[in-house]
């Protein structure tokens, strides 16, 4: 029934994209309210409590950043669930002072968008009902693994899970930023050389964002480089340990040191 539909406020200055995404989400049984600029979005909020705001960042006027500032508390937390449409490379600039629920790079695959919309609404609805997003025991630590070799990634995930950790995985540098912002892992185990952004560069960007600056990082490399460990561990980022191996036992030992 219409009154039970989840409400989405979709804000984008691209008229074609606005219409396309609105039609697509409406077909998927969401109640979609559109705005072609941030200022119009704020006006719509006067008579609307959305279950999700899908927000473009690059718009004329106050833009996405202005909208987030107007709808966020003093600690930078938006009053509504927010899914951001943006180029991943711009995340550090956009989100240095705010936290959001998810990111979708433009242009986006409609199915990827639909999955992310469903994920955010489901998780936020659970929290509103007094449930915790993470229902695992509080004693379990969350590890984010960043490795672009599929077989090595799977091997590390299995080893860490068997050791009792909650494990998430990514394969590209920019994906580390997204997962870290959204999931707040207890430690990141990251390969030095990653697709699209190397691990040391990712560590620098994580350090510059308040939501991720305190996450410890175990950086590893198998290239046999002669670069001293201190180049990474004393770089001023969250890199605590540099391991010259992708051996799961060595990395598990490093994890235990930084999360103990």
C-alpha atoms as a PDB file:
ATOM      1  CA  UNK A   1       0.000   0.000   0.000  1.00  0.00           C
ATOM      2  CA  UNK A   2       1.194   3.508  -0.820  1.00  0.00           C
ATOM      3  CA  UNK A   3       1.227   4.709   2.770  1.00  0.00           C
ATOM      4  CA  UNK A   4       3.729   1.962   3.642  1.00  0.00           C
ATOM      5  CA  UNK A   5       6.202   2.889   0.945  1.00  0.00           C
ATOM      6  CA  UNK A   6       9.627   4.107   2.013  1.00  0.00           C
ATOM      7  CA  UNK A   7      10.153   7.751   1.127  1.00  0.00           C
ATOM      8  CA  UNK A   8      13.257   8.820  -0.784  1.00  0.00           C
ATOM      9  CA  UNK A   9      14.261  12.432  -1.359  1.00  0.00           C
ATOM     10  CA  UNK A  10      16.319  12.480  -4.560  1.00  0.00           C
ATOM     11  CA  UNK A  11      18.374  15.647  -5.135  1.00  0.00           C
ATOM     12  CA  UNK A  12      20.278  16.181  -8.395  1.00  0.00           C
ATOM     13  CA  UNK A  13      20.575  19.040 -10.871  1.00  0.00           C
ATOM     14  CA  UNK A  14      20.819  16.676 -13.864  1.00  0.00           C
ATOM     15  CA  UNK A  15      17.230  16.636 -15.158  1.00  0.00           C
ATOM     16  CA  UNK A  16      17.668  13.435 -17.179  1.00  0.00           C
ATOM     17  CA  UNK A  17      19.277  11.544 -14.307  1.00  0.00           C
ATOM     18  CA  UNK A  18      16.669  12.853 -11.887  1.00  0.00           C
ATOM     19  CA  UNK A  19      13.852  11.553 -14.064  1.00  0.00           C
ATOM     20  CA  UNK A  20      15.568   8.237 -14.819  1.00  0.00           C
ATOM     21  CA  UNK A  21      16.384   7.416 -11.189  1.00  0.00           C
ATOM     22  CA  UNK A  22      13.000   8.634  -9.993  1.00  0.00           C
ATOM     23  CA  UNK A  23      11.165   6.382 -12.461  1.00  0.00           C
ATOM     24  CA  UNK A  24      13.431   3.440 -11.637  1.00  0.00           C
ATOM     25  CA  UNK A  25      13.011   3.729  -7.873  1.00  0.00           C
ATOM     26  CA  UNK A  26       9.279   4.383  -8.180  1.00  0.00           C
ATOM     27  CA  UNK A  27       8.974   1.189 -10.213  1.00  0.00           C
ATOM     28  CA  UNK A  28      10.754  -0.601  -7.346  1.00  0.00           C
ATOM     29  CA  UNK A  29       7.932   0.599  -5.049  1.00  0.00           C
ATOM     30  CA  UNK A  30       9.623   3.559  -3.365  1.00  0.00           C
ATOM     31  CA  UNK A  31       7.848   6.885  -2.889  1.00  0.00           C
ATOM     32  CA  UNK A  32      10.285   9.276  -4.607  1.00  0.00           C
ATOM     33  CA  UNK A  33      10.255  13.040  -4.077  1.00  0.00           C
ATOM     34  CA  UNK A  34      12.637  14.961  -6.325  1.00  0.00           C
ATOM     35  CA  UNK A  35      14.497  18.258  -6.075  1.00  0.00           C
ATOM     36  CA  UNK A  36      16.763  19.794  -8.703  1.00  0.00           C
ATOM     37  CA  UNK A  37      19.021  21.645  -6.252  1.00  0.00           C
ATOM     38  CA  UNK A  38      20.027  21.593  -2.598  1.00  0.00           C
ATOM     39  CA  UNK A  39      17.907  24.641  -1.798  1.00  0.00           C
ATOM     40  CA  UNK A  40      14.803  22.934  -3.206  1.00  0.00           C
ATOM     41  CA  UNK A  41      15.671  19.824  -1.225  1.00  0.00           C
ATOM     42  CA  UNK A  42      15.685  21.823   2.004  1.00  0.00           C
ATOM     43  CA  UNK A  43      12.248  23.211   1.158  1.00  0.00           C
ATOM     44  CA  UNK A  44      10.910  19.692   0.591  1.00  0.00           C
ATOM     45  CA  UNK A  45      12.161  18.649   4.035  1.00  0.00           C
ATOM     46  CA  UNK A  46       9.776  21.104   5.690  1.00  0.00           C
ATOM     47  CA  UNK A  47       6.906  18.738   4.875  1.00  0.00           C
ATOM     48  CA  UNK A  48       8.778  15.462   4.623  1.00  0.00           C
ATOM     49  CA  UNK A  49      10.678  13.010   6.827  1.00  0.00           C
ATOM     50  CA  UNK A  50      12.520  10.837   4.307  1.00  0.00           C
ATOM     51  CA  UNK A  51      13.705   7.304   4.931  1.00  0.00           C
ATOM     52  CA  UNK A  52      16.673   8.151   2.701  1.00  0.00           C
ATOM     53  CA  UNK A  53      18.177  11.163   0.953  1.00  0.00           C
ATOM     54  CA  UNK A  54      20.040  10.455  -2.293  1.00  0.00           C
ATOM     55  CA  UNK A  55      22.260  13.474  -2.746  1.00  0.00           C
ATOM     56  CA  UNK A  56      24.382  14.691  -5.647  1.00  0.00           C
ATOM     57  CA  UNK A  57      27.417  16.656  -4.494  1.00  0.00           C
ATOM     58  CA  UNK A  58      28.290  18.754  -7.555  1.00  0.00           C
ATOM     59  CA  UNK A  59      25.377  21.175  -7.910  1.00  0.00           C
ATOM     60  CA  UNK A  60      25.134  24.958  -8.321  1.00  0.00           C
ATOM     61  CA  UNK A  61      24.278  27.099  -5.300  1.00  0.00           C
ATOM     62  CA  UNK A  62      24.972  25.614  -1.881  1.00  0.00           C
ATOM     63  CA  UNK A  63      25.483  22.191  -3.456  1.00  0.00           C
ATOM     64  CA  UNK A  64      25.625  18.887  -1.660  1.00  0.00           C
ATOM     65  CA  UNK A  65      28.075  20.092   0.972  1.00  0.00           C
ATOM     66  CA  UNK A  66      25.810  23.006   1.883  1.00  0.00           C
ATOM     67  CA  UNK A  67      22.819  20.682   2.122  1.00  0.00           C
ATOM     68  CA  UNK A  68      24.695  18.338   4.440  1.00  0.00           C
ATOM     69  CA  UNK A  69      25.815  21.188   6.668  1.00  0.00           C
ATOM     70  CA  UNK A  70      22.255  22.494   6.917  1.00  0.00           C
ATOM     71  CA  UNK A  71      20.870  19.065   7.809  1.00  0.00           C
ATOM     72  CA  UNK A  72      23.627  17.824  10.127  1.00  0.00           C
ATOM     73  CA  UNK A  73      24.172  18.125  13.861  1.00  0.00           C
ATOM     74  CA  UNK A  74      27.181  19.892  15.382  1.00  0.00           C
ATOM     75  CA  UNK A  75      29.245  16.678  15.276  1.00  0.00           C
ATOM     76  CA  UNK A  76      28.692  16.311  11.522  1.00  0.00           C
ATOM     77  CA  UNK A  77      26.066  13.559  11.626  1.00  0.00           C
ATOM     78  CA  UNK A  78      23.203  14.044   9.136  1.00  0.00           C
ATOM     79  CA  UNK A  79      19.700  14.014  10.601  1.00  0.00           C
ATOM     80  CA  UNK A  80      18.554  11.664   7.832  1.00  0.00           C
ATOM     81  CA  UNK A  81      20.138   8.618   6.176  1.00  0.00           C
ATOM     82  CA  UNK A  82      22.177   9.902   3.219  1.00  0.00           C
ATOM     83  CA  UNK A  83      23.433   8.105   0.118  1.00  0.00           C
ATOM     84  CA  UNK A  84      25.858  10.305  -1.788  1.00  0.00           C
ATOM     85  CA  UNK A  85      26.294  10.419  -5.550  1.00  0.00           C
ATOM     86  CA  UNK A  86      29.883  11.460  -6.203  1.00  0.00           C
ATOM     87  CA  UNK A  87      33.188  10.604  -7.827  1.00  0.00           C
ATOM     88  CA  UNK A  88      35.122   8.455  -5.355  1.00  0.00           C
ATOM     89  CA  UNK A  89      38.259  10.542  -5.813  1.00  0.00           C
ATOM     90  CA  UNK A  90      36.522  13.506  -4.188  1.00  0.00           C
ATOM     91  CA  UNK A  91      35.516  11.782  -0.963  1.00  0.00           C
ATOM     92  CA  UNK A  92      38.232  13.218   1.287  1.00  0.00           C
ATOM     93  CA  UNK A  93      37.351  16.756   0.226  1.00  0.00           C
ATOM     94  CA  UNK A  94      33.614  16.244   0.579  1.00  0.00           C
ATOM     95  CA  UNK A  95      33.505  14.307   3.824  1.00  0.00           C
ATOM     96  CA  UNK A  96      36.209  15.805   6.014  1.00  0.00           C
ATOM     97  CA  UNK A  97      33.581  17.060   8.468  1.00  0.00           C
ATOM     98  CA  UNK A  98      30.518  14.868   7.889  1.00  0.00           C
ATOM     99  CA  UNK A  99      29.557  11.207   7.922  1.00  0.00           C
ATOM    100  CA  UNK A 100      27.125   9.569   5.509  1.00  0.00           C
ATOM    101  CA  UNK A 101      25.637   6.110   5.094  1.00  0.00           C
ATOM    102  CA  UNK A 102      26.918   5.240   1.654  1.00  0.00           C
ATOM    103  CA  UNK A 103      28.470   6.273  -1.649  1.00  0.00           C
ATOM    104  CA  UNK A 104      27.607   5.580  -5.281  1.00  0.00           C
ATOM    105  CA  UNK A 105      29.940   6.784  -8.024  1.00  0.00           C
ATOM    106  CA  UNK A 106      28.394   8.578 -10.990  1.00  0.00           C
ATOM    107  CA  UNK A 107      27.402   7.295 -13.468  1.00  0.00           C
ATOM    108  CA  UNK A 108      25.896   4.506 -11.388  1.00  0.00           C
ATOM    109  CA  UNK A 109      24.530   1.113 -12.289  1.00  0.00           C
ATOM    110  CA  UNK A 110      20.800   1.124 -11.361  1.00  0.00           C
ATOM    111  CA  UNK A 111      21.047  -2.305  -9.756  1.00  0.00           C
ATOM    112  CA  UNK A 112      23.998  -1.222  -7.619  1.00  0.00           C
ATOM    113  CA  UNK A 113      21.994   1.832  -6.580  1.00  0.00           C
ATOM    114  CA  UNK A 114      18.988  -0.313  -5.698  1.00  0.00           C
ATOM    115  CA  UNK A 115      21.080  -2.646  -3.552  1.00  0.00           C
ATOM    116  CA  UNK A 116      22.675   0.268  -1.698  1.00  0.00           C
ATOM    117  CA  UNK A 117      19.300   1.952  -1.135  1.00  0.00           C
ATOM    118  CA  UNK A 118      17.864  -1.253   0.286  1.00  0.00           C
ATOM    119  CA  UNK A 119      20.911  -1.851   2.481  1.00  0.00           C
ATOM    120  CA  UNK A 120      20.854   1.616   4.044  1.00  0.00           C
ATOM    121  CA  UNK A 121      17.113   1.709   4.645  1.00  0.00           C
ATOM    122  CA  UNK A 122      17.163  -1.766   6.196  1.00  0.00           C
ATOM    123  CA  UNK A 123      20.083  -0.989   8.515  1.00  0.00           C
ATOM    124  CA  UNK A 124      18.783   2.416   9.556  1.00  0.00           C
ATOM    125  CA  UNK A 125      15.316   1.023  10.185  1.00  0.00           C
ATOM    126  CA  UNK A 126      16.860  -1.580  12.480  1.00  0.00           C
ATOM    127  CA  UNK A 127      18.674   1.087  14.497  1.00  0.00           C
ATOM    128  CA  UNK A 128      15.488   3.132  14.825  1.00  0.00           C
ATOM    129  CA  UNK A 129      13.815   0.058  16.302  1.00  0.00           C
ATOM    130  CA  UNK A 130      16.527  -0.108  18.935  1.00  0.00           C
ATOM    131  CA  UNK A 131      18.507  -2.871  17.271  1.00  0.00           C
ATOM    132  CA  UNK A 132      22.230  -2.782  16.698  1.00  0.00           C
ATOM    133  CA  UNK A 133      23.548  -2.800  13.161  1.00  0.00           C
ATOM    134  CA  UNK A 134      26.241  -5.278  14.139  1.00  0.00           C
ATOM    135  CA  UNK A 135      24.658  -8.135  16.078  1.00  0.00           C
ATOM    136  CA  UNK A 136      27.897 -10.000  16.679  1.00  0.00           C
ATOM    137  CA  UNK A 137      29.348 -10.157  20.200  1.00  0.00           C
ATOM    138  CA  UNK A 138      30.996  -6.909  21.256  1.00  0.00           C
ATOM    139  CA  UNK A 139      34.244  -8.784  21.958  1.00  0.00           C
ATOM    140  CA  UNK A 140      34.720  -9.599  18.276  1.00  0.00           C
ATOM    141  CA  UNK A 141      36.881  -7.192  16.327  1.00  0.00           C
ATOM    142  CA  UNK A 142      36.138  -6.158  12.747  1.00  0.00           C
ATOM    143  CA  UNK A 143      38.934  -6.453  10.182  1.00  0.00           C
ATOM    144  CA  UNK A 144      38.856  -4.893   6.721  1.00  0.00           C
ATOM    145  CA  UNK A 145      41.079  -6.703   4.213  1.00  0.00           C
ATOM    146  CA  UNK A 146      42.277  -4.838   1.097  1.00  0.00           C
ATOM    147  CA  UNK A 147      43.913  -7.146  -1.448  1.00  0.00           C
ATOM    148  CA  UNK A 148      43.444  -7.125  -5.227  1.00  0.00           C
ATOM    149  CA  UNK A 149      44.498 -10.734  -5.821  1.00  0.00           C
ATOM    150  CA  UNK A 150      41.336 -12.791  -5.446  1.00  0.00           C
ATOM    151  CA  UNK A 151      42.991 -15.972  -4.176  1.00  0.00           C
ATOM    152  CA  UNK A 152      45.113 -14.135  -1.599  1.00  0.00           C
ATOM    153  CA  UNK A 153      42.109 -12.076  -0.527  1.00  0.00           C
ATOM    154  CA  UNK A 154      40.043 -15.214   0.063  1.00  0.00           C
ATOM    155  CA  UNK A 155      42.909 -16.898   1.916  1.00  0.00           C
ATOM    156  CA  UNK A 156      43.340 -13.973   4.292  1.00  0.00           C
ATOM    157  CA  UNK A 157      39.600 -13.580   4.868  1.00  0.00           C
ATOM    158  CA  UNK A 158      39.313 -17.285   5.752  1.00  0.00           C
ATOM    159  CA  UNK A 159      42.306 -17.189   8.090  1.00  0.00           C
ATOM    160  CA  UNK A 160      41.109 -14.087   9.930  1.00  0.00           C
ATOM    161  CA  UNK A 161      37.551 -15.419  10.219  1.00  0.00           C
ATOM    162  CA  UNK A 162      38.830 -18.715  11.626  1.00  0.00           C
ATOM    163  CA  UNK A 163      40.783 -16.699  14.201  1.00  0.00           C
ATOM    164  CA  UNK A 164      37.495 -15.198  15.404  1.00  0.00           C
ATOM    165  CA  UNK A 165      37.436 -11.840  13.640  1.00  0.00           C
ATOM    166  CA  UNK A 166      34.557 -10.301  11.692  1.00  0.00           C
ATOM    167  CA  UNK A 167      36.011  -9.812   8.224  1.00  0.00           C
ATOM    168  CA  UNK A 168      35.081  -7.551   5.329  1.00  0.00           C
ATOM    169  CA  UNK A 169      37.020  -7.405   2.087  1.00  0.00           C
ATOM    170  CA  UNK A 170      37.696  -5.019  -0.783  1.00  0.00           C
ATOM    171  CA  UNK A 171      39.971  -5.132  -3.819  1.00  0.00           C
ATOM    172  CA  UNK A 172      40.620  -1.495  -4.742  1.00  0.00           C
ATOM    173  CA  UNK A 173      42.111   1.473  -2.920  1.00  0.00           C
ATOM    174  CA  UNK A 174      39.054   3.767  -3.153  1.00  0.00           C
ATOM    175  CA  UNK A 175      36.849   0.959  -1.818  1.00  0.00           C
ATOM    176  CA  UNK A 176      38.890   0.976   1.403  1.00  0.00           C
ATOM    177  CA  UNK A 177      37.826   4.584   1.962  1.00  0.00           C
ATOM    178  CA  UNK A 178      34.159   3.784   1.437  1.00  0.00           C
ATOM    179  CA  UNK A 179      34.123   0.720   3.703  1.00  0.00           C
ATOM    180  CA  UNK A 180      36.180   2.407   6.409  1.00  0.00           C
ATOM    181  CA  UNK A 181      33.877   5.430   6.576  1.00  0.00           C
ATOM    182  CA  UNK A 182      30.706   3.347   6.663  1.00  0.00           C
ATOM    183  CA  UNK A 183      31.746   0.338   8.777  1.00  0.00           C
ATOM    184  CA  UNK A 184      34.435   1.771  11.079  1.00  0.00           C
ATOM    185  CA  UNK A 185      36.597  -1.407  11.302  1.00  0.00           C
ATOM    186  CA  UNK A 186      38.847  -2.007  14.296  1.00  0.00           C
ATOM    187  CA  UNK A 187      41.827  -2.553  12.002  1.00  0.00           C
ATOM    188  CA  UNK A 188      42.592  -2.399   8.273  1.00  0.00           C
ATOM    189  CA  UNK A 189      44.937  -4.979   6.752  1.00  0.00           C
ATOM    190  CA  UNK A 190      45.983  -3.484   3.441  1.00  0.00           C
ATOM    191  CA  UNK A 191      48.344  -4.320   0.606  1.00  0.00           C
ATOM    192  CA  UNK A 192      50.823  -1.576  -0.308  1.00  0.00           C
ATOM    193  CA  UNK A 193      50.215  -1.766  -4.073  1.00  0.00           C
ATOM    194  CA  UNK A 194      46.495  -1.686  -4.821  1.00  0.00           C
ATOM    195  CA  UNK A 195      44.425  -1.012  -7.913  1.00  0.00           C
ATOM    196  CA  UNK A 196      43.533   2.671  -8.497  1.00  0.00           C
ATOM    197  CA  UNK A 197      45.160   3.927  -5.256  1.00  0.00           C
ATOM    198  CA  UNK A 198      48.089   2.502  -3.309  1.00  0.00           C
ATOM    199  CA  UNK A 199      47.799   1.595   0.342  1.00  0.00           C
ATOM    200  CA  UNK A 200      50.036   4.372   1.666  1.00  0.00           C
ATOM    201  CA  UNK A 201      47.966   6.969  -0.217  1.00  0.00           C
ATOM    202  CA  UNK A 202      44.764   5.454   1.181  1.00  0.00           C
ATOM    203  CA  UNK A 203      46.262   5.638   4.680  1.00  0.00           C
ATOM    204  CA  UNK A 204      47.000   9.337   4.195  1.00  0.00           C
ATOM    205  CA  UNK A 205      43.413  10.057   3.128  1.00  0.00           C
ATOM    206  CA  UNK A 206      42.003   8.062   6.046  1.00  0.00           C
ATOM    207  CA  UNK A 207      44.144  10.104   8.424  1.00  0.00           C
ATOM    208  CA  UNK A 208      42.686  13.352   7.058  1.00  0.00           C
ATOM    209  CA  UNK A 209      39.064  12.368   7.805  1.00  0.00           C
ATOM    210  CA  UNK A 210      37.818  12.580  11.404  1.00  0.00           C
ATOM    211  CA  UNK A 211      35.675   9.456  11.103  1.00  0.00           C
ATOM    212  CA  UNK A 212      38.652   7.271  10.112  1.00  0.00           C
ATOM    213  CA  UNK A 213      41.763   9.008  11.452  1.00  0.00           C
ATOM    214  CA  UNK A 214      42.108   6.684  14.465  1.00  0.00           C
ATOM    215  CA  UNK A 215      41.725   3.357  12.641  1.00  0.00           C
ATOM    216  CA  UNK A 216      44.999   1.381  12.923  1.00  0.00           C
ATOM    217  CA  UNK A 217      46.438  -0.030   9.708  1.00  0.00           C
ATOM    218  CA  UNK A 218      48.610  -3.057   9.037  1.00  0.00           C
ATOM    219  CA  UNK A 219      50.298  -2.454   5.689  1.00  0.00           C
ATOM    220  CA  UNK A 220      51.980  -5.333   3.875  1.00  0.00           C
ATOM    221  CA  UNK A 221      54.078  -5.807   0.755  1.00  0.00           C
ATOM    222  CA  UNK A 222      55.570  -8.797  -1.064  1.00  0.00           C
ATOM    223  CA  UNK A 223      57.707  -6.968  -3.640  1.00  0.00           C
ATOM    224  CA  UNK A 224      60.954  -7.326  -1.709  1.00  0.00           C
ATOM    225  CA  UNK A 225      61.429  -3.564  -1.543  1.00  0.00           C
ATOM    226  CA  UNK A 226      64.399  -2.286   0.465  1.00  0.00           C
ATOM    227  CA  UNK A 227      62.482   0.774   1.681  1.00  0.00           C
ATOM    228  CA  UNK A 228      62.804   0.961   5.500  1.00  0.00           C
ATOM    229  CA  UNK A 229      59.706   0.127   7.537  1.00  0.00           C
ATOM    230  CA  UNK A 230      59.800   3.541   9.207  1.00  0.00           C
ATOM    231  CA  UNK A 231      58.886   5.232   5.931  1.00  0.00           C
ATOM    232  CA  UNK A 232      55.402   3.862   6.499  1.00  0.00           C
ATOM    233  CA  UNK A 233      55.147   3.408  10.266  1.00  0.00           C
ATOM    234  CA  UNK A 234      56.426   6.934  10.975  1.00  0.00           C
ATOM    235  CA  UNK A 235      54.536   8.630   8.159  1.00  0.00           C
ATOM    236  CA  UNK A 236      52.034  10.290  10.497  1.00  0.00           C
ATOM    237  CA  UNK A 237      49.188   8.113   9.197  1.00  0.00           C
ATOM    238  CA  UNK A 238      47.434   5.187  10.861  1.00  0.00           C
ATOM    239  CA  UNK A 239      50.003   2.654   9.648  1.00  0.00           C
ATOM    240  CA  UNK A 240      51.144   0.893  12.831  1.00  0.00           C
ATOM    241  CA  UNK A 241      52.962  -2.132  11.420  1.00  0.00           C
ATOM    242  CA  UNK A 242      54.586  -2.837   8.056  1.00  0.00           C
ATOM    243  CA  UNK A 243      54.793  -6.549   7.147  1.00  0.00           C
ATOM    244  CA  UNK A 244      56.963  -7.782   4.287  1.00  0.00           C
ATOM    245  CA  UNK A 245      54.741 -10.764   3.563  1.00  0.00           C
ATOM    246  CA  UNK A 246      51.153 -11.758   2.840  1.00  0.00           C
ATOM    247  CA  UNK A 247      51.485 -14.759   5.123  1.00  0.00           C
ATOM    248  CA  UNK A 248      48.308 -15.027   7.172  1.00  0.00           C
ATOM    249  CA  UNK A 249      50.150 -15.977  10.381  1.00  0.00           C
ATOM    250  CA  UNK A 250      52.381 -12.909  10.187  1.00  0.00           C
ATOM    251  CA  UNK A 251      49.442 -10.654   9.487  1.00  0.00           C
ATOM    252  CA  UNK A 252      47.381 -12.225  12.288  1.00  0.00           C
ATOM    253  CA  UNK A 253      50.214 -11.526  14.709  1.00  0.00           C
ATOM    254  CA  UNK A 254      50.257  -7.905  13.555  1.00  0.00           C
ATOM    255  CA  UNK A 255      46.479  -7.615  13.966  1.00  0.00           C
ATOM    256  CA  UNK A 256      46.691  -8.893  17.533  1.00  0.00           C
ATOM    257  CA  UNK A 257      49.328  -6.294  18.362  1.00  0.00           C
ATOM    258  CA  UNK A 258      47.317  -3.317  17.131  1.00  0.00           C
ATOM    259  CA  UNK A 259      43.889  -4.305  18.483  1.00  0.00           C
ATOM    260  CA  UNK A 260      44.930  -5.663  21.855  1.00  0.00           C
END
